[in-house]
PDB file of all heavy atoms in Angstrom:
ATOM      1  N   PRO A   1      47.757 -35.147 -23.673  1.00  0.00           N
ATOM      2  CA  PRO A   1      47.666 -36.332 -22.807  1.00  0.00           C
ATOM      3  C   PRO A   1      48.025 -35.999 -21.361  1.00  0.00           C
ATOM      4  O   PRO A   1      48.788 -35.076 -21.096  1.00  0.00           O
ATOM      5  CB  PRO A   1      48.679 -37.295 -23.424  1.00  0.00           C
ATOM      6  CG  PRO A   1      49.606 -36.449 -24.205  1.00  0.00           C
ATOM      7  CD  PRO A   1      48.836 -35.246 -24.638  1.00  0.00           C
ATOM      8  N   GLU A   2      47.481 -36.785 -20.457  1.00  0.00           N
ATOM      9  CA  GLU A   2      47.757 -36.650 -19.027  1.00  0.00           C
ATOM     10  C   GLU A   2      49.000 -37.488 -18.714  1.00  0.00           C
ATOM     11  O   GLU A   2      48.948 -38.714 -18.763  1.00  0.00           O
ATOM     12  CB  GLU A   2      46.557 -37.140 -18.223  1.00  0.00           C
ATOM     13  CG  GLU A   2      46.759 -37.109 -16.740  1.00  0.00           C
ATOM     14  CD  GLU A   2      47.081 -35.711 -16.234  1.00  0.00           C
ATOM     15  OE1 GLU A   2      46.312 -34.784 -16.487  1.00  0.00           O
ATOM     16  OE2 GLU A   2      48.134 -35.579 -15.586  1.00  0.00           O
ATOM     17  N   LEU A   3      50.126 -36.841 -18.388  1.00  0.00           N
ATOM     18  CA  LEU A   3      51.404 -37.534 -18.209  1.00  0.00           C
ATOM     19  C   LEU A   3      51.900 -37.538 -16.761  1.00  0.00           C
ATOM     20  O   LEU A   3      53.007 -38.005 -16.499  1.00  0.00           O
ATOM     21  CB  LEU A   3      52.479 -36.901 -19.113  1.00  0.00           C
ATOM     22  CG  LEU A   3      52.165 -36.889 -20.603  1.00  0.00           C
ATOM     23  CD1 LEU A   3      53.245 -36.135 -21.368  1.00  0.00           C
ATOM     24  CD2 LEU A   3      52.034 -38.315 -21.130  1.00  0.00           C
ATOM     25  N   ARG A   4      51.114 -37.068 -15.824  1.00  0.00           N
ATOM     26  CA  ARG A   4      51.572 -36.990 -14.429  1.00  0.00           C
ATOM     27  C   ARG A   4      51.971 -38.335 -13.847  1.00  0.00           C
ATOM     28  O   ARG A   4      52.867 -38.416 -13.022  1.00  0.00           O
ATOM     29  CB  ARG A   4      50.507 -36.356 -13.544  1.00  0.00           C
ATOM     30  CG  ARG A   4      50.502 -34.857 -13.639  1.00  0.00           C
ATOM     31  CD  ARG A   4      49.522 -34.271 -12.682  1.00  0.00           C
ATOM     32  NE  ARG A   4      48.220 -34.323 -13.358  1.00  0.00           N
ATOM     33  CZ  ARG A   4      47.086 -34.020 -12.811  1.00  0.00           C
ATOM     34  NH1 ARG A   4      47.035 -33.674 -11.553  1.00  0.00           N
ATOM     35  NH2 ARG A   4      45.965 -34.080 -13.494  1.00  0.00           N
ATOM     36  N   GLY A   5      51.327 -39.401 -14.259  1.00  0.00           N
ATOM     37  CA  GLY A   5      51.633 -40.724 -13.707  1.00  0.00           C
ATOM     38  C   GLY A   5      53.018 -41.238 -14.062  1.00  0.00           C
ATOM     39  O   GLY A   5      53.501 -42.194 -13.469  1.00  0.00           O
ATOM     40  N   LEU A   6      53.686 -40.606 -15.017  1.00  0.00           N
ATOM     41  CA  LEU A   6      55.017 -41.055 -15.437  1.00  0.00           C
ATOM     42  C   LEU A   6      56.123 -40.604 -14.487  1.00  0.00           C
ATOM     43  O   LEU A   6      57.224 -41.135 -14.515  1.00  0.00           O
ATOM     44  CB  LEU A   6      55.329 -40.518 -16.838  1.00  0.00           C
ATOM     45  CG  LEU A   6      54.452 -41.050 -17.963  1.00  0.00           C
ATOM     46  CD1 LEU A   6      54.640 -40.219 -19.219  1.00  0.00           C
ATOM     47  CD2 LEU A   6      54.759 -42.503 -18.234  1.00  0.00           C
ATOM     48  N   SER A   7      55.858 -39.637 -13.632  1.00  0.00           N
ATOM     49  CA  SER A   7      56.907 -39.006 -12.834  1.00  0.00           C
ATOM     50  C   SER A   7      57.562 -39.926 -11.811  1.00  0.00           C
ATOM     51  O   SER A   7      58.661 -39.648 -11.355  1.00  0.00           O
ATOM     52  CB  SER A   7      56.371 -37.766 -12.142  1.00  0.00           C
ATOM     53  OG  SER A   7      55.344 -38.114 -11.240  1.00  0.00           O
ATOM     54  N   GLN A   8      56.940 -41.021 -11.462  1.00  0.00           N
ATOM     55  CA  GLN A   8      57.522 -41.917 -10.460  1.00  0.00           C
ATOM     56  C   GLN A   8      58.793 -42.595 -10.977  1.00  0.00           C
ATOM     57  O   GLN A   8      59.762 -42.713 -10.250  1.00  0.00           O
ATOM     58  CB  GLN A   8      56.497 -42.968 -10.037  1.00  0.00           C
ATOM     59  CG  GLN A   8      57.022 -43.890  -8.969  1.00  0.00           C
ATOM     60  CD  GLN A   8      55.966 -44.882  -8.498  1.00  0.00           C
ATOM     61  OE1 GLN A   8      54.792 -44.732  -8.782  1.00  0.00           O
ATOM     62  NE2 GLN A   8      56.400 -45.887  -7.790  1.00  0.00           N
ATOM     63  N   ASP A   9      58.795 -43.058 -12.213  1.00  0.00           N
ATOM     64  CA  ASP A   9      59.928 -43.813 -12.752  1.00  0.00           C
ATOM     65  C   ASP A   9      60.627 -43.145 -13.926  1.00  0.00           C
ATOM     66  O   ASP A   9      61.626 -43.661 -14.424  1.00  0.00           O
ATOM     67  CB  ASP A   9      59.460 -45.196 -13.211  1.00  0.00           C
ATOM     68  CG  ASP A   9      59.065 -46.080 -12.044  1.00  0.00           C
ATOM     69  OD1 ASP A   9      59.710 -45.986 -10.985  1.00  0.00           O
ATOM     70  OD2 ASP A   9      58.112 -46.868 -12.179  1.00  0.00           O
ATOM     71  N   PHE A  10      60.104 -41.999 -14.382  1.00  0.00           N
ATOM     72  CA  PHE A  10      60.655 -41.379 -15.575  1.00  0.00           C
ATOM     73  C   PHE A  10      60.796 -39.876 -15.387  1.00  0.00           C
ATOM     74  O   PHE A  10      59.999 -39.246 -14.702  1.00  0.00           O
ATOM     75  CB  PHE A  10      59.734 -41.618 -16.787  1.00  0.00           C
ATOM     76  CG  PHE A  10      59.545 -43.069 -17.098  1.00  0.00           C
ATOM     77  CD1 PHE A  10      58.468 -43.761 -16.579  1.00  0.00           C
ATOM     78  CD2 PHE A  10      60.437 -43.745 -17.914  1.00  0.00           C
ATOM     79  CE1 PHE A  10      58.279 -45.099 -16.857  1.00  0.00           C
ATOM     80  CE2 PHE A  10      60.257 -45.082 -18.192  1.00  0.00           C
ATOM     81  CZ  PHE A  10      59.179 -45.768 -17.666  1.00  0.00           C
ATOM     82  N   GLU A  11      61.804 -39.328 -16.034  1.00  0.00           N
ATOM     83  CA  GLU A  11      61.926 -37.877 -16.147  1.00  0.00           C
ATOM     84  C   GLU A  11      61.360 -37.492 -17.506  1.00  0.00           C
ATOM     85  O   GLU A  11      61.785 -38.023 -18.527  1.00  0.00           O
ATOM     86  CB  GLU A  11      63.390 -37.456 -16.054  1.00  0.00           C
ATOM     87  CG  GLU A  11      63.607 -35.980 -16.236  1.00  0.00           C
ATOM     88  CD  GLU A  11      65.083 -35.596 -16.256  1.00  0.00           C
ATOM     89  OE1 GLU A  11      65.933 -36.405 -15.859  1.00  0.00           O
ATOM     90  OE2 GLU A  11      65.372 -34.473 -16.699  1.00  0.00           O
ATOM     91  N   TRP A  12      60.388 -36.589 -17.523  1.00  0.00           N
ATOM     92  CA  TRP A  12      59.802 -36.141 -18.774  1.00  0.00           C
ATOM     93  C   TRP A  12      60.764 -35.149 -19.413  1.00  0.00           C
ATOM     94  O   TRP A  12      61.178 -34.180 -18.784  1.00  0.00           O
ATOM     95  CB  TRP A  12      58.445 -35.495 -18.509  1.00  0.00           C
ATOM     96  CG  TRP A  12      57.842 -34.852 -19.712  1.00  0.00           C
ATOM     97  CD1 TRP A  12      57.196 -35.473 -20.729  1.00  0.00           C
ATOM     98  CD2 TRP A  12      57.823 -33.466 -20.032  1.00  0.00           C
ATOM     99  NE1 TRP A  12      56.781 -34.565 -21.665  1.00  0.00           N
ATOM    100  CE2 TRP A  12      57.164 -33.313 -21.248  1.00  0.00           C
ATOM    101  CE3 TRP A  12      58.319 -32.330 -19.396  1.00  0.00           C
ATOM    102  CZ2 TRP A  12      56.971 -32.079 -21.855  1.00  0.00           C
ATOM    103  CZ3 TRP A  12      58.123 -31.102 -20.000  1.00  0.00           C
ATOM    104  CH2 TRP A  12      57.456 -30.997 -21.214  1.00  0.00           C
ATOM    105  N   LEU A  13      61.149 -35.396 -20.678  1.00  0.00           N
ATOM    106  CA  LEU A  13      62.072 -34.513 -21.381  1.00  0.00           C
ATOM    107  C   LEU A  13      61.329 -33.532 -22.277  1.00  0.00           C
ATOM    108  O   LEU A  13      61.559 -32.335 -22.199  1.00  0.00           O
ATOM    109  CB  LEU A  13      63.080 -35.340 -22.196  1.00  0.00           C
ATOM    110  CG  LEU A  13      63.934 -36.310 -21.376  1.00  0.00           C
ATOM    111  CD1 LEU A  13      64.794 -37.169 -22.279  1.00  0.00           C
ATOM    112  CD2 LEU A  13      64.774 -35.560 -20.356  1.00  0.00           C
ATOM    113  N   ASP A  14      60.476 -34.031 -23.153  1.00  0.00           N
ATOM    114  CA  ASP A  14      59.665 -33.149 -23.980  1.00  0.00           C
ATOM    115  C   ASP A  14      58.587 -33.946 -24.696  1.00  0.00           C
ATOM    116  O   ASP A  14      58.606 -35.174 -24.709  1.00  0.00           O
ATOM    117  CB  ASP A  14      60.495 -32.341 -24.982  1.00  0.00           C
ATOM    118  CG  ASP A  14      61.196 -33.191 -26.024  1.00  0.00           C
ATOM    119  OD1 ASP A  14      60.582 -34.134 -26.560  1.00  0.00           O
ATOM    120  OD2 ASP A  14      62.357 -32.910 -26.343  1.00  0.00           O
ATOM    121  N   THR A  15      57.648 -33.210 -25.275  1.00  0.00           N
ATOM    122  CA  THR A  15      56.574 -33.810 -26.061  1.00  0.00           C
ATOM    123  C   THR A  15      56.394 -32.979 -27.317  1.00  0.00           C
ATOM    124  O   THR A  15      56.356 -31.750 -27.248  1.00  0.00           O
ATOM    125  CB  THR A  15      55.245 -33.823 -25.275  1.00  0.00           C
ATOM    126  OG1 THR A  15      55.425 -34.564 -24.069  1.00  0.00           O
ATOM    127  CG2 THR A  15      54.123 -34.454 -26.090  1.00  0.00           C
ATOM    128  N   GLN A  16      56.310 -33.654 -28.453  1.00  0.00           N
ATOM    129  CA  GLN A  16      56.027 -32.989 -29.725  1.00  0.00           C
ATOM    130  C   GLN A  16      54.682 -33.498 -30.228  1.00  0.00           C
ATOM    131  O   GLN A  16      54.375 -34.683 -30.091  1.00  0.00           O
ATOM    132  CB  GLN A  16      57.095 -33.299 -30.763  1.00  0.00           C
ATOM    133  CG  GLN A  16      58.460 -32.801 -30.396  1.00  0.00           C
ATOM    134  CD  GLN A  16      59.512 -33.241 -31.397  1.00  0.00           C
ATOM    135  OE1 GLN A  16      59.274 -34.079 -32.253  1.00  0.00           O
ATOM    136  NE2 GLN A  16      60.687 -32.661 -31.282  1.00  0.00           N
ATOM    137  N   THR A  17      53.900 -32.610 -30.808  1.00  0.00           N
ATOM    138  CA  THR A  17      52.608 -32.973 -31.366  1.00  0.00           C
ATOM    139  C   THR A  17      52.687 -32.866 -32.874  1.00  0.00           C
ATOM    140  O   THR A  17      53.142 -31.855 -33.404  1.00  0.00           O
ATOM    141  CB  THR A  17      51.507 -32.042 -30.836  1.00  0.00           C
ATOM    142  OG1 THR A  17      51.553 -32.041 -29.410  1.00  0.00           O
ATOM    143  CG2 THR A  17      50.138 -32.513 -31.292  1.00  0.00           C
ATOM    144  N   VAL A  18      52.260 -33.937 -33.564  1.00  0.00           N
ATOM    145  CA  VAL A  18      52.332 -33.996 -35.015  1.00  0.00           C
ATOM    146  C   VAL A  18      50.996 -34.495 -35.546  1.00  0.00           C
ATOM    147  O   VAL A  18      50.401 -35.421 -34.992  1.00  0.00           O
ATOM    148  CB  VAL A  18      53.451 -34.971 -35.470  1.00  0.00           C
ATOM    149  CG1 VAL A  18      53.553 -35.033 -36.974  1.00  0.00           C
ATOM    150  CG2 VAL A  18      54.780 -34.614 -34.840  1.00  0.00           C
ATOM    151  N   THR A  19      50.511 -33.891 -36.622  1.00  0.00           N
ATOM    152  CA  THR A  19      49.351 -34.413 -37.325  1.00  0.00           C
ATOM    153  C   THR A  19      49.874 -35.222 -38.505  1.00  0.00           C
ATOM    154  O   THR A  19      50.646 -34.704 -39.316  1.00  0.00           O
ATOM    155  CB  THR A  19      48.436 -33.280 -37.818  1.00  0.00           C
ATOM    156  OG1 THR A  19      48.018 -32.512 -36.682  1.00  0.00           O
ATOM    157  CG2 THR A  19      47.212 -33.832 -38.533  1.00  0.00           C
ATOM    158  N   VAL A  20      49.490 -36.477 -38.580  1.00  0.00           N
ATOM    159  CA  VAL A  20      49.995 -37.389 -39.608  1.00  0.00           C
ATOM    160  C   VAL A  20      48.859 -37.715 -40.568  1.00  0.00           C
ATOM    161  O   VAL A  20      47.742 -38.006 -40.147  1.00  0.00           O
ATOM    162  CB  VAL A  20      50.524 -38.696 -38.963  1.00  0.00           C
ATOM    163  CG1 VAL A  20      51.098 -39.624 -40.018  1.00  0.00           C
ATOM    164  CG2 VAL A  20      51.559 -38.389 -37.892  1.00  0.00           C
ATOM    165  N   SER A  21      49.157 -37.663 -41.861  1.00  0.00           N
ATOM    166  CA  SER A  21      48.177 -38.037 -42.886  1.00  0.00           C
ATOM    167  C   SER A  21      48.784 -39.089 -43.792  1.00  0.00           C
ATOM    168  O   SER A  21      49.967 -39.030 -44.117  1.00  0.00           O
ATOM    169  CB  SER A  21      47.771 -36.827 -43.731  1.00  0.00           C
ATOM    170  OG  SER A  21      47.080 -35.898 -42.955  1.00  0.00           O
ATOM    171  N   ARG A  22      47.949 -40.044 -44.193  1.00  0.00           N
ATOM    172  CA  ARG A  22      48.404 -41.096 -45.116  1.00  0.00           C
ATOM    173  C   ARG A  22      47.346 -41.250 -46.198  1.00  0.00           C
ATOM    174  O   ARG A  22      46.155 -41.352 -45.910  1.00  0.00           O
ATOM    175  CB  ARG A  22      48.616 -42.404 -44.376  1.00  0.00           C
ATOM    176  CG  ARG A  22      49.049 -43.527 -45.311  1.00  0.00           C
ATOM    177  CD  ARG A  22      49.389 -44.806 -44.606  1.00  0.00           C
ATOM    178  NE  ARG A  22      48.328 -45.233 -43.728  1.00  0.00           N
ATOM    179  CZ  ARG A  22      48.495 -46.049 -42.709  1.00  0.00           C
ATOM    180  NH1 ARG A  22      49.675 -46.521 -42.434  1.00  0.00           N
ATOM    181  NH2 ARG A  22      47.475 -46.399 -41.952  1.00  0.00           N
ATOM    182  N   TYR A  23      47.815 -41.255 -47.414  1.00  0.00           N
ATOM    183  CA  TYR A  23      46.931 -41.451 -48.567  1.00  0.00           C
ATOM    184  C   TYR A  23      47.223 -42.827 -49.143  1.00  0.00           C
ATOM    185  O   TYR A  23      48.356 -43.149 -49.469  1.00  0.00           O
ATOM    186  CB  TYR A  23      47.185 -40.392 -49.638  1.00  0.00           C
ATOM    187  CG  TYR A  23      46.898 -38.999 -49.151  1.00  0.00           C
ATOM    188  CD1 TYR A  23      47.888 -38.221 -48.566  1.00  0.00           C
ATOM    189  CD2 TYR A  23      45.629 -38.469 -49.268  1.00  0.00           C
ATOM    190  CE1 TYR A  23      47.617 -36.953 -48.117  1.00  0.00           C
ATOM    191  CE2 TYR A  23      45.346 -37.179 -48.821  1.00  0.00           C
ATOM    192  CZ  TYR A  23      46.354 -36.428 -48.245  1.00  0.00           C
ATOM    193  OH  TYR A  23      46.081 -35.169 -47.790  1.00  0.00           O
ATOM    194  N   ARG A  24      46.197 -43.632 -49.261  1.00  0.00           N
ATOM    195  CA  ARG A  24      46.377 -44.980 -49.797  1.00  0.00           C
ATOM    196  C   ARG A  24      45.136 -45.333 -50.606  1.00  0.00           C
ATOM    197  O   ARG A  24      44.032 -45.306 -50.092  1.00  0.00           O
ATOM    198  CB  ARG A  24      46.578 -45.965 -48.652  1.00  0.00           C
ATOM    199  CG  ARG A  24      46.998 -47.340 -49.124  1.00  0.00           C
ATOM    200  CD  ARG A  24      47.177 -48.306 -47.981  1.00  0.00           C
ATOM    201  NE  ARG A  24      48.442 -48.034 -47.301  1.00  0.00           N
ATOM    202  CZ  ARG A  24      48.813 -48.618 -46.197  1.00  0.00           C
ATOM    203  NH1 ARG A  24      48.021 -49.484 -45.600  1.00  0.00           N
ATOM    204  NH2 ARG A  24      49.964 -48.345 -45.642  1.00  0.00           N
ATOM    205  N   THR A  25      45.346 -45.677 -51.851  1.00  0.00           N
ATOM    206  CA  THR A  25      44.273 -46.072 -52.778  1.00  0.00           C
ATOM    207  C   THR A  25      43.051 -45.170 -52.678  1.00  0.00           C
ATOM    208  O   THR A  25      41.929 -45.627 -52.488  1.00  0.00           O
ATOM    209  CB  THR A  25      43.858 -47.539 -52.565  1.00  0.00           C
ATOM    210  OG1 THR A  25      43.368 -47.704 -51.223  1.00  0.00           O
ATOM    211  CG2 THR A  25      44.981 -48.493 -52.835  1.00  0.00           C
ATOM    212  N   GLY A  26      43.301 -43.871 -52.798  1.00  0.00           N
ATOM    213  CA  GLY A  26      42.203 -42.924 -52.815  1.00  0.00           C
ATOM    214  C   GLY A  26      41.610 -42.568 -51.465  1.00  0.00           C
ATOM    215  O   GLY A  26      40.712 -41.753 -51.380  1.00  0.00           O
ATOM    216  N   GLU A  27      42.093 -43.180 -50.387  1.00  0.00           N
ATOM    217  CA  GLU A  27      41.582 -42.880 -49.050  1.00  0.00           C
ATOM    218  C   GLU A  27      42.603 -42.067 -48.277  1.00  0.00           C
ATOM    219  O   GLU A  27      43.798 -42.309 -48.363  1.00  0.00           O
ATOM    220  CB  GLU A  27      41.299 -44.169 -48.276  1.00  0.00           C
ATOM    221  CG  GLU A  27      40.028 -44.861 -48.687  1.00  0.00           C
ATOM    222  CD  GLU A  27      39.727 -46.011 -47.743  1.00  0.00           C
ATOM    223  OE1 GLU A  27      39.744 -45.799 -46.515  1.00  0.00           O
ATOM    224  OE2 GLU A  27      39.484 -47.106 -48.241  1.00  0.00           O
ATOM    225  N   LYS A  28      42.110 -41.125 -47.516  1.00  0.00           N
ATOM    226  CA  LYS A  28      42.968 -40.313 -46.662  1.00  0.00           C
ATOM    227  C   LYS A  28      42.680 -40.667 -45.208  1.00  0.00           C
ATOM    228  O   LYS A  28      41.529 -40.694 -44.792  1.00  0.00           O
ATOM    229  CB  LYS A  28      42.717 -38.832 -46.889  1.00  0.00           C
ATOM    230  CG  LYS A  28      43.529 -37.935 -45.983  1.00  0.00           C
ATOM    231  CD  LYS A  28      43.176 -36.468 -46.206  1.00  0.00           C
ATOM    232  CE  LYS A  28      43.911 -35.606 -45.209  1.00  0.00           C
ATOM    233  NZ  LYS A  28      43.495 -34.210 -45.311  1.00  0.00           N
ATOM    234  N   LYS A  29      43.737 -40.958 -44.460  1.00  0.00           N
ATOM    235  CA  LYS A  29      43.606 -41.224 -43.030  1.00  0.00           C
ATOM    236  C   LYS A  29      44.490 -40.216 -42.304  1.00  0.00           C
ATOM    237  O   LYS A  29      45.645 -40.033 -42.646  1.00  0.00           O
ATOM    238  CB  LYS A  29      44.045 -42.649 -42.696  1.00  0.00           C
ATOM    239  CG  LYS A  29      43.900 -42.973 -41.228  1.00  0.00           C
ATOM    240  CD  LYS A  29      44.291 -44.386 -40.905  1.00  0.00           C
ATOM    241  CE  LYS A  29      44.152 -44.612 -39.412  1.00  0.00           C
ATOM    242  NZ  LYS A  29      44.673 -45.884 -38.994  1.00  0.00           N
ATOM    243  N   THR A  30      43.926 -39.540 -41.315  1.00  0.00           N
ATOM    244  CA  THR A  30      44.658 -38.528 -40.555  1.00  0.00           C
ATOM    245  C   THR A  30      44.521 -38.843 -39.071  1.00  0.00           C
ATOM    246  O   THR A  30      43.453 -39.219 -38.612  1.00  0.00           O
ATOM    247  CB  THR A  30      44.102 -37.122 -40.855  1.00  0.00           C
ATOM    248  OG1 THR A  30      44.158 -36.901 -42.265  1.00  0.00           O
ATOM    249  CG2 THR A  30      44.906 -36.053 -40.163  1.00  0.00           C
ATOM    250  N   TRP A  31      45.612 -38.687 -38.343  1.00  0.00           N
ATOM    251  CA  TRP A  31      45.576 -38.906 -36.908  1.00  0.00           C
ATOM    252  C   TRP A  31      46.559 -37.970 -36.222  1.00  0.00           C
ATOM    253  O   TRP A  31      47.403 -37.350 -36.856  1.00  0.00           O
ATOM    254  CB  TRP A  31      45.832 -40.372 -36.551  1.00  0.00           C
ATOM    255  CG  TRP A  31      47.184 -40.902 -36.903  1.00  0.00           C
ATOM    256  CD1 TRP A  31      48.276 -40.987 -36.093  1.00  0.00           C
ATOM    257  CD2 TRP A  31      47.593 -41.453 -38.164  1.00  0.00           C
ATOM    258  NE1 TRP A  31      49.329 -41.542 -36.760  1.00  0.00           N
ATOM    259  CE2 TRP A  31      48.941 -41.845 -38.028  1.00  0.00           C
ATOM    260  CE3 TRP A  31      46.964 -41.651 -39.379  1.00  0.00           C
ATOM    261  CZ2 TRP A  31      49.662 -42.410 -39.073  1.00  0.00           C
ATOM    262  CZ3 TRP A  31      47.688 -42.219 -40.415  1.00  0.00           C
ATOM    263  CH2 TRP A  31      49.012 -42.595 -40.255  1.00  0.00           C
ATOM    264  N   LEU A  32      46.420 -37.855 -34.921  1.00  0.00           N
ATOM    265  CA  LEU A  32      47.241 -37.001 -34.092  1.00  0.00           C
ATOM    266  C   LEU A  32      48.238 -37.878 -33.344  1.00  0.00           C
ATOM    267  O   LEU A  32      47.862 -38.894 -32.764  1.00  0.00           O
ATOM    268  CB  LEU A  32      46.339 -36.250 -33.106  1.00  0.00           C
ATOM    269  CG  LEU A  32      46.919 -35.100 -32.319  1.00  0.00           C
ATOM    270  CD1 LEU A  32      47.450 -34.016 -33.235  1.00  0.00           C
ATOM    271  CD2 LEU A  32      45.847 -34.512 -31.405  1.00  0.00           C
ATOM    272  N   ARG A  33      49.518 -37.485 -33.381  1.00  0.00           N
ATOM    273  CA  ARG A  33      50.569 -38.262 -32.702  1.00  0.00           C
ATOM    274  C   ARG A  33      51.329 -37.338 -31.754  1.00  0.00           C
ATOM    275  O   ARG A  33      51.739 -36.258 -32.121  1.00  0.00           O
ATOM    276  CB  ARG A  33      51.549 -38.837 -33.715  1.00  0.00           C
ATOM    277  CG  ARG A  33      52.757 -39.520 -33.052  1.00  0.00           C
ATOM    278  CD  ARG A  33      53.787 -39.967 -34.054  1.00  0.00           C
ATOM    279  NE  ARG A  33      53.254 -41.075 -34.827  1.00  0.00           N
ATOM    280  CZ  ARG A  33      53.814 -41.523 -35.957  1.00  0.00           C
ATOM    281  NH1 ARG A  33      54.886 -40.956 -36.433  1.00  0.00           N
ATOM    282  NH2 ARG A  33      53.275 -42.533 -36.597  1.00  0.00           N
ATOM    283  N   TRP A  34      51.492 -37.827 -30.534  1.00  0.00           N
ATOM    284  CA  TRP A  34      52.383 -37.171 -29.585  1.00  0.00           C
ATOM    285  C   TRP A  34      53.636 -38.024 -29.494  1.00  0.00           C
ATOM    286  O   TRP A  34      53.559 -39.233 -29.255  1.00  0.00           O
ATOM    287  CB  TRP A  34      51.747 -37.063 -28.206  1.00  0.00           C
ATOM    288  CG  TRP A  34      50.620 -36.097 -28.136  1.00  0.00           C
ATOM    289  CD1 TRP A  34      50.696 -34.743 -27.972  1.00  0.00           C
ATOM    290  CD2 TRP A  34      49.232 -36.408 -28.211  1.00  0.00           C
ATOM    291  NE1 TRP A  34      49.441 -34.205 -27.958  1.00  0.00           N
ATOM    292  CE2 TRP A  34      48.526 -35.204 -28.108  1.00  0.00           C
ATOM    293  CE3 TRP A  34      48.510 -37.595 -28.386  1.00  0.00           C
ATOM    294  CZ2 TRP A  34      47.139 -35.136 -28.148  1.00  0.00           C
ATOM    295  CZ3 TRP A  34      47.135 -37.535 -28.436  1.00  0.00           C
ATOM    296  CH2 TRP A  34      46.468 -36.318 -28.314  1.00  0.00           C
TER     297      TRP A  34
END
């Protein structure tokens, strides 16, 4: 993600990237989370 706009009011500490998967009633949903 583009985070440059946050610098005016926030100090950026860190970012973690996680791939999340959820299985529900035979369906798999996967998404990317920062």
